[in-house]
PDB file of all heavy atoms in Angstrom:
ATOM      1  N   ARG A   1      -3.424  -0.825  -4.444  1.00  0.00           N
ATOM      2  CA  ARG A   1      -4.220  -1.890  -5.040  1.00  0.00           C
ATOM      3  C   ARG A   1      -3.534  -3.252  -4.974  1.00  0.00           C
ATOM      4  O   ARG A   1      -3.778  -4.142  -5.792  1.00  0.00           O
ATOM      5  CB  ARG A   1      -4.597  -1.560  -6.496  1.00  0.00           C
ATOM      6  CG  ARG A   1      -5.607  -0.427  -6.600  1.00  0.00           C
ATOM      7  CD  ARG A   1      -6.076  -0.238  -8.030  1.00  0.00           C
ATOM      8  NE  ARG A   1      -5.056   0.390  -8.848  1.00  0.00           N
ATOM      9  CZ  ARG A   1      -5.058   0.375 -10.176  1.00  0.00           C
ATOM     10  NH1 ARG A   1      -6.002  -0.268 -10.823  1.00  0.00           N
ATOM     11  NH2 ARG A   1      -4.113   0.999 -10.842  1.00  0.00           N
ATOM     12  N   SER A   2      -2.676  -3.441  -4.002  1.00  0.00           N
ATOM     13  CA  SER A   2      -2.060  -4.750  -3.793  1.00  0.00           C
ATOM     14  C   SER A   2      -2.621  -5.348  -2.503  1.00  0.00           C
ATOM     15  O   SER A   2      -3.163  -4.633  -1.659  1.00  0.00           O
ATOM     16  CB  SER A   2      -0.539  -4.615  -3.697  1.00  0.00           C
ATOM     17  OG  SER A   2      -0.138  -4.219  -2.393  1.00  0.00           O
ATOM     18  N   PRO A   3      -2.494  -6.673  -2.327  1.00  0.00           N
ATOM     19  CA  PRO A   3      -3.012  -7.298  -1.101  1.00  0.00           C
ATOM     20  C   PRO A   3      -2.296  -6.839   0.162  1.00  0.00           C
ATOM     21  O   PRO A   3      -2.782  -7.089   1.267  1.00  0.00           O
ATOM     22  CB  PRO A   3      -2.803  -8.795  -1.346  1.00  0.00           C
ATOM     23  CG  PRO A   3      -1.786  -8.883  -2.422  1.00  0.00           C
ATOM     24  CD  PRO A   3      -1.967  -7.670  -3.266  1.00  0.00           C
ATOM     25  N   ALA A   4      -1.172  -6.165   0.020  1.00  0.00           N
ATOM     26  CA  ALA A   4      -0.454  -5.669   1.196  1.00  0.00           C
ATOM     27  C   ALA A   4      -1.306  -4.704   2.008  1.00  0.00           C
ATOM     28  O   ALA A   4      -1.188  -4.642   3.245  1.00  0.00           O
ATOM     29  CB  ALA A   4       0.844  -4.991   0.762  1.00  0.00           C
ATOM     30  N   SER A   5      -2.174  -3.954   1.327  1.00  0.00           N
ATOM     31  CA  SER A   5      -3.010  -2.977   2.039  1.00  0.00           C
ATOM     32  C   SER A   5      -3.888  -3.656   3.083  1.00  0.00           C
ATOM     33  O   SER A   5      -3.953  -3.235   4.244  1.00  0.00           O
ATOM     34  CB  SER A   5      -3.877  -2.203   1.042  1.00  0.00           C
ATOM     35  OG  SER A   5      -3.078  -1.505   0.118  1.00  0.00           O
ATOM     36  N   GLU A   6      -4.576  -4.707   2.687  1.00  0.00           N
ATOM     37  CA  GLU A   6      -5.451  -5.415   3.623  1.00  0.00           C
ATOM     38  C   GLU A   6      -4.643  -6.091   4.717  1.00  0.00           C
ATOM     39  O   GLU A   6      -5.062  -6.150   5.877  1.00  0.00           O
ATOM     40  CB  GLU A   6      -6.301  -6.446   2.872  1.00  0.00           C
ATOM     41  CG  GLU A   6      -7.235  -7.262   3.742  1.00  0.00           C
ATOM     42  CD  GLU A   6      -8.269  -6.416   4.487  1.00  0.00           C
ATOM     43  OE1 GLU A   6      -8.592  -5.301   4.012  1.00  0.00           O
ATOM     44  OE2 GLU A   6      -8.748  -6.869   5.555  1.00  0.00           O
ATOM     45  N   TRP A   7      -3.465  -6.607   4.375  1.00  0.00           N
ATOM     46  CA  TRP A   7      -2.615  -7.257   5.376  1.00  0.00           C
ATOM     47  C   TRP A   7      -2.217  -6.256   6.462  1.00  0.00           C
ATOM     48  O   TRP A   7      -2.238  -6.590   7.656  1.00  0.00           O
ATOM     49  CB  TRP A   7      -1.383  -7.823   4.683  1.00  0.00           C
ATOM     50  CG  TRP A   7      -0.531  -8.721   5.536  1.00  0.00           C
ATOM     51  CD1 TRP A   7      -0.726 -10.055   5.778  1.00  0.00           C
ATOM     52  CD2 TRP A   7       0.665  -8.362   6.239  1.00  0.00           C
ATOM     53  NE1 TRP A   7       0.274 -10.543   6.583  1.00  0.00           N
ATOM     54  CE2 TRP A   7       1.142  -9.528   6.882  1.00  0.00           C
ATOM     55  CE3 TRP A   7       1.382  -7.181   6.378  1.00  0.00           C
ATOM     56  CZ2 TRP A   7       2.298  -9.534   7.656  1.00  0.00           C
ATOM     57  CZ3 TRP A   7       2.532  -7.180   7.149  1.00  0.00           C
ATOM     58  CH2 TRP A   7       2.988  -8.346   7.784  1.00  0.00           C
ATOM     59  N   LEU A   8      -1.886  -5.025   6.073  1.00  0.00           N
ATOM     60  CA  LEU A   8      -1.540  -4.000   7.056  1.00  0.00           C
ATOM     61  C   LEU A   8      -2.741  -3.648   7.927  1.00  0.00           C
ATOM     62  O   LEU A   8      -2.598  -3.429   9.139  1.00  0.00           O
ATOM     63  CB  LEU A   8      -1.009  -2.746   6.359  1.00  0.00           C
ATOM     64  CG  LEU A   8       0.346  -2.854   5.663  1.00  0.00           C
ATOM     65  CD1 LEU A   8       0.744  -1.500   5.072  1.00  0.00           C
ATOM     66  CD2 LEU A   8       1.434  -3.354   6.606  1.00  0.00           C
ATOM     67  N   VAL A   9      -3.918  -3.578   7.313  1.00  0.00           N
ATOM     68  CA  VAL A   9      -5.141  -3.296   8.081  1.00  0.00           C
ATOM     69  C   VAL A   9      -5.317  -4.342   9.172  1.00  0.00           C
ATOM     70  O   VAL A   9      -5.573  -4.011  10.343  1.00  0.00           O
ATOM     71  CB  VAL A   9      -6.372  -3.268   7.154  1.00  0.00           C
ATOM     72  CG1 VAL A   9      -7.657  -3.233   7.978  1.00  0.00           C
ATOM     73  CG2 VAL A   9      -6.315  -2.069   6.215  1.00  0.00           C
ATOM     74  N   ARG A  10      -5.179  -5.593   8.819  1.00  0.00           N
ATOM     75  CA  ARG A  10      -5.411  -6.680   9.777  1.00  0.00           C
ATOM     76  C   ARG A  10      -4.357  -6.716  10.886  1.00  0.00           C
ATOM     77  O   ARG A  10      -4.620  -7.249  11.964  1.00  0.00           O
ATOM     78  CB  ARG A  10      -5.421  -8.020   9.039  1.00  0.00           C
ATOM     79  CG  ARG A  10      -6.590  -8.154   8.075  1.00  0.00           C
ATOM     80  CD  ARG A  10      -6.605  -9.496   7.400  1.00  0.00           C
ATOM     81  NE  ARG A  10      -7.751  -9.631   6.512  1.00  0.00           N
ATOM     82  CZ  ARG A  10      -8.296 -10.790   6.167  1.00  0.00           C
ATOM     83  NH1 ARG A  10      -7.812 -11.919   6.646  1.00  0.00           N
ATOM     84  NH2 ARG A  10      -9.331 -10.820   5.352  1.00  0.00           N
ATOM     85  N   ARG A  11      -3.188  -6.172  10.608  1.00  0.00           N
ATOM     86  CA  ARG A  11      -2.118  -6.170  11.621  1.00  0.00           C
ATOM     87  C   ARG A  11      -2.032  -4.855  12.375  1.00  0.00           C
ATOM     88  O   ARG A  11      -1.117  -4.652  13.174  1.00  0.00           O
ATOM     89  CB  ARG A  11      -0.765  -6.461  10.964  1.00  0.00           C
ATOM     90  CG  ARG A  11      -0.409  -7.945  10.901  1.00  0.00           C
ATOM     91  CD  ARG A  11      -1.296  -8.698   9.988  1.00  0.00           C
ATOM     92  NE  ARG A  11      -1.083 -10.148  10.047  1.00  0.00           N
ATOM     93  CZ  ARG A  11      -1.743 -11.000   9.291  1.00  0.00           C
ATOM     94  NH1 ARG A  11      -2.635 -10.576   8.430  1.00  0.00           N
ATOM     95  NH2 ARG A  11      -1.525 -12.294   9.404  1.00  0.00           N
ATOM     96  N   GLY A  12      -2.959  -3.967  12.158  1.00  0.00           N
ATOM     97  CA  GLY A  12      -2.931  -2.685  12.850  1.00  0.00           C
ATOM     98  C   GLY A  12      -1.770  -1.808  12.443  1.00  0.00           C
ATOM     99  O   GLY A  12      -1.261  -1.020  13.251  1.00  0.00           O
ATOM    100  N   LEU A  13      -1.367  -1.906  11.154  1.00  0.00           N
ATOM    101  CA  LEU A  13      -0.204  -1.164  10.678  1.00  0.00           C
ATOM    102  C   LEU A  13      -0.545  -0.182   9.557  1.00  0.00           C
ATOM    103  O   LEU A  13       0.347   0.231   8.797  1.00  0.00           O
ATOM    104  CB  LEU A  13       0.867  -2.148  10.185  1.00  0.00           C
ATOM    105  CG  LEU A  13       1.521  -3.042  11.254  1.00  0.00           C
ATOM    106  CD1 LEU A  13       2.326  -4.156  10.604  1.00  0.00           C
ATOM    107  CD2 LEU A  13       2.400  -2.208  12.182  1.00  0.00           C
ATOM    108  N   VAL A  14      -1.809   0.207   9.473  1.00  0.00           N
ATOM    109  CA  VAL A  14      -2.222   1.101   8.389  1.00  0.00           C
ATOM    110  C   VAL A  14      -1.446   2.413   8.416  1.00  0.00           C
ATOM    111  O   VAL A  14      -0.996   2.918   7.376  1.00  0.00           O
ATOM    112  CB  VAL A  14      -3.737   1.384   8.472  1.00  0.00           C
ATOM    113  CG1 VAL A  14      -4.140   2.438   7.442  1.00  0.00           C
ATOM    114  CG2 VAL A  14      -4.521   0.111   8.250  1.00  0.00           C
ATOM    115  N   GLU A  15      -1.280   2.976   9.600  1.00  0.00           N
ATOM    116  CA  GLU A  15      -0.597   4.263   9.710  1.00  0.00           C
ATOM    117  C   GLU A  15       0.871   4.168   9.325  1.00  0.00           C
ATOM    118  O   GLU A  15       1.507   5.175   8.996  1.00  0.00           O
ATOM    119  CB  GLU A  15      -0.715   4.794  11.143  1.00  0.00           C
ATOM    120  CG  GLU A  15      -2.133   5.110  11.574  1.00  0.00           C
ATOM    121  CD  GLU A  15      -2.772   6.168  10.680  1.00  0.00           C
ATOM    122  OE1 GLU A  15      -2.083   7.136  10.316  1.00  0.00           O
ATOM    123  OE2 GLU A  15      -3.964   6.009  10.341  1.00  0.00           O
ATOM    124  N   GLN A  16       1.408   2.973   9.342  1.00  0.00           N
ATOM    125  CA  GLN A  16       2.805   2.787   8.993  1.00  0.00           C
ATOM    126  C   GLN A  16       3.008   2.587   7.484  1.00  0.00           C
ATOM    127  O   GLN A  16       4.137   2.579   6.999  1.00  0.00           O
ATOM    128  CB  GLN A  16       3.380   1.587   9.751  1.00  0.00           C
ATOM    129  CG  GLN A  16       3.621   1.840  11.227  1.00  0.00           C
ATOM    130  CD  GLN A  16       2.325   2.023  12.020  1.00  0.00           C
ATOM    131  OE1 GLN A  16       1.373   1.261  11.862  1.00  0.00           O
ATOM    132  NE2 GLN A  16       2.297   3.041  12.866  1.00  0.00           N
ATOM    133  N   GLY A  17       1.924   2.402   6.757  1.00  0.00           N
ATOM    134  CA  GLY A  17       2.027   2.162   5.319  1.00  0.00           C
ATOM    135  C   GLY A  17       2.413   3.414   4.544  1.00  0.00           C
ATOM    136  O   GLY A  17       1.926   4.505   4.817  1.00  0.00           O
ATOM    137  N   VAL A  18       3.296   3.242   3.576  1.00  0.00           N
ATOM    138  CA  VAL A  18       3.706   4.325   2.671  1.00  0.00           C
ATOM    139  C   VAL A  18       3.319   3.886   1.263  1.00  0.00           C
ATOM    140  O   VAL A  18       4.001   3.041   0.667  1.00  0.00           O
ATOM    141  CB  VAL A  18       5.219   4.602   2.742  1.00  0.00           C
ATOM    142  CG1 VAL A  18       5.607   5.723   1.785  1.00  0.00           C
ATOM    143  CG2 VAL A  18       5.643   4.917   4.174  1.00  0.00           C
ATOM    144  N   PRO A  19       2.203   4.402   0.719  1.00  0.00           N
ATOM    145  CA  PRO A  19       1.723   3.903  -0.578  1.00  0.00           C
ATOM    146  C   PRO A  19       2.511   4.455  -1.758  1.00  0.00           C
ATOM    147  O   PRO A  19       2.942   5.610  -1.753  1.00  0.00           O
ATOM    148  CB  PRO A  19       0.274   4.397  -0.614  1.00  0.00           C
ATOM    149  CG  PRO A  19       0.273   5.617   0.248  1.00  0.00           C
ATOM    150  CD  PRO A  19       1.282   5.374   1.323  1.00  0.00           C
ATOM    151  N   TYR A  20       2.692   3.612  -2.767  1.00  0.00           N
ATOM    152  CA  TYR A  20       3.315   3.984  -4.036  1.00  0.00           C
ATOM    153  C   TYR A  20       2.307   3.725  -5.152  1.00  0.00           C
ATOM    154  O   TYR A  20       1.572   2.727  -5.100  1.00  0.00           O
ATOM    155  CB  TYR A  20       4.568   3.139  -4.295  1.00  0.00           C
ATOM    156  CG  TYR A  20       5.757   3.516  -3.448  1.00  0.00           C
ATOM    157  CD1 TYR A  20       5.767   3.264  -2.070  1.00  0.00           C
ATOM    158  CD2 TYR A  20       6.872   4.117  -4.012  1.00  0.00           C
ATOM    159  CE1 TYR A  20       6.859   3.605  -1.291  1.00  0.00           C
ATOM    160  CE2 TYR A  20       7.982   4.456  -3.234  1.00  0.00           C
ATOM    161  CZ  TYR A  20       7.966   4.200  -1.883  1.00  0.00           C
ATOM    162  OH  TYR A  20       9.057   4.538  -1.099  1.00  0.00           O
ATOM    163  N   PRO A  21       2.255   4.571  -6.165  1.00  0.00           N
ATOM    164  CA  PRO A  21       1.301   4.351  -7.257  1.00  0.00           C
ATOM    165  C   PRO A  21       1.671   3.134  -8.084  1.00  0.00           C
ATOM    166  O   PRO A  21       2.849   2.900  -8.372  1.00  0.00           O
ATOM    167  CB  PRO A  21       1.390   5.632  -8.091  1.00  0.00           C
ATOM    168  CG  PRO A  21       2.757   6.168  -7.795  1.00  0.00           C
ATOM    169  CD  PRO A  21       3.037   5.807  -6.360  1.00  0.00           C
ATOM    170  N   ILE A  22       0.669   2.360  -8.456  1.00  0.00           N
ATOM    171  CA  ILE A  22       0.919   1.157  -9.240  1.00  0.00           C
ATOM    172  C   ILE A  22       1.323   1.492 -10.666  1.00  0.00           C
ATOM    173  O   ILE A  22       1.995   0.726 -11.339  1.00  0.00           O
ATOM    174  CB  ILE A  22      -0.321   0.240  -9.215  1.00  0.00           C
ATOM    175  CG1 ILE A  22       0.032  -1.168  -9.656  1.00  0.00           C
ATOM    176  CG2 ILE A  22      -1.444   0.801 -10.065  1.00  0.00           C
ATOM    177  CD1 ILE A  22      -1.062  -2.168  -9.445  1.00  0.00           C
ATOM    178  N   MET A  23       0.902   2.655 -11.145  1.00  0.00           N
ATOM    179  CA  MET A  23       1.287   3.097 -12.480  1.00  0.00           C
ATOM    180  C   MET A  23       1.899   4.480 -12.397  1.00  0.00           C
ATOM    181  O   MET A  23       1.394   5.341 -11.693  1.00  0.00           O
ATOM    182  CB  MET A  23       0.077   3.126 -13.419  1.00  0.00           C
ATOM    183  CG  MET A  23      -0.417   1.761 -13.820  1.00  0.00           C
ATOM    184  SD  MET A  23      -1.600   1.851 -15.165  1.00  0.00           S
ATOM    185  CE  MET A  23      -1.964   0.103 -15.374  1.00  0.00           C
ATOM    186  N   SER A  24       2.969   4.669 -13.125  1.00  0.00           N
ATOM    187  CA  SER A  24       3.644   5.959 -13.159  1.00  0.00           C
ATOM    188  C   SER A  24       3.758   6.416 -14.609  1.00  0.00           C
ATOM    189  O   SER A  24       4.050   5.604 -15.495  1.00  0.00           O
ATOM    190  CB  SER A  24       5.043   5.849 -12.540  1.00  0.00           C
ATOM    191  OG  SER A  24       5.807   7.010 -12.816  1.00  0.00           O
ATOM    192  N   PRO A  25       3.556   7.707 -14.876  1.00  0.00           N
ATOM    193  CA  PRO A  25       3.735   8.201 -16.249  1.00  0.00           C
ATOM    194  C   PRO A  25       5.198   8.300 -16.667  1.00  0.00           C
ATOM    195  O   PRO A  25       5.501   8.537 -17.827  1.00  0.00           O
ATOM    196  CB  PRO A  25       3.075   9.582 -16.204  1.00  0.00           C
ATOM    197  CG  PRO A  25       3.220  10.027 -14.778  1.00  0.00           C
ATOM    198  CD  PRO A  25       3.090   8.771 -13.966  1.00  0.00           C
ATOM    199  N   ASP A  26       6.101   8.118 -15.712  1.00  0.00           N
ATOM    200  CA  ASP A  26       7.527   8.246 -15.982  1.00  0.00           C
ATOM    201  C   ASP A  26       8.059   6.949 -16.593  1.00  0.00           C
ATOM    202  O   ASP A  26       8.089   5.912 -15.922  1.00  0.00           O
ATOM    203  CB  ASP A  26       8.260   8.551 -14.682  1.00  0.00           C
ATOM    204  CG  ASP A  26       9.767   8.712 -14.878  1.00  0.00           C
ATOM    205  OD1 ASP A  26      10.230   8.623 -16.033  1.00  0.00           O
ATOM    206  OD2 ASP A  26      10.467   8.924 -13.868  1.00  0.00           O
ATOM    207  N   PRO A  27       8.508   6.953 -17.849  1.00  0.00           N
ATOM    208  CA  PRO A  27       8.996   5.715 -18.464  1.00  0.00           C
ATOM    209  C   PRO A  27      10.276   5.190 -17.838  1.00  0.00           C
ATOM    210  O   PRO A  27      10.637   4.028 -18.035  1.00  0.00           O
ATOM    211  CB  PRO A  27       9.221   6.121 -19.928  1.00  0.00           C
ATOM    212  CG  PRO A  27       9.443   7.592 -19.888  1.00  0.00           C
ATOM    213  CD  PRO A  27       8.586   8.101 -18.761  1.00  0.00           C
TER     214      PRO A  27
END
């Protein structure tokens, strides 16, 4: 859910993306 996702799409780098969750239950 960050703008980096769309930036990777536009640069043809979607497959190179490694997503991390924006919220973690781990304090």
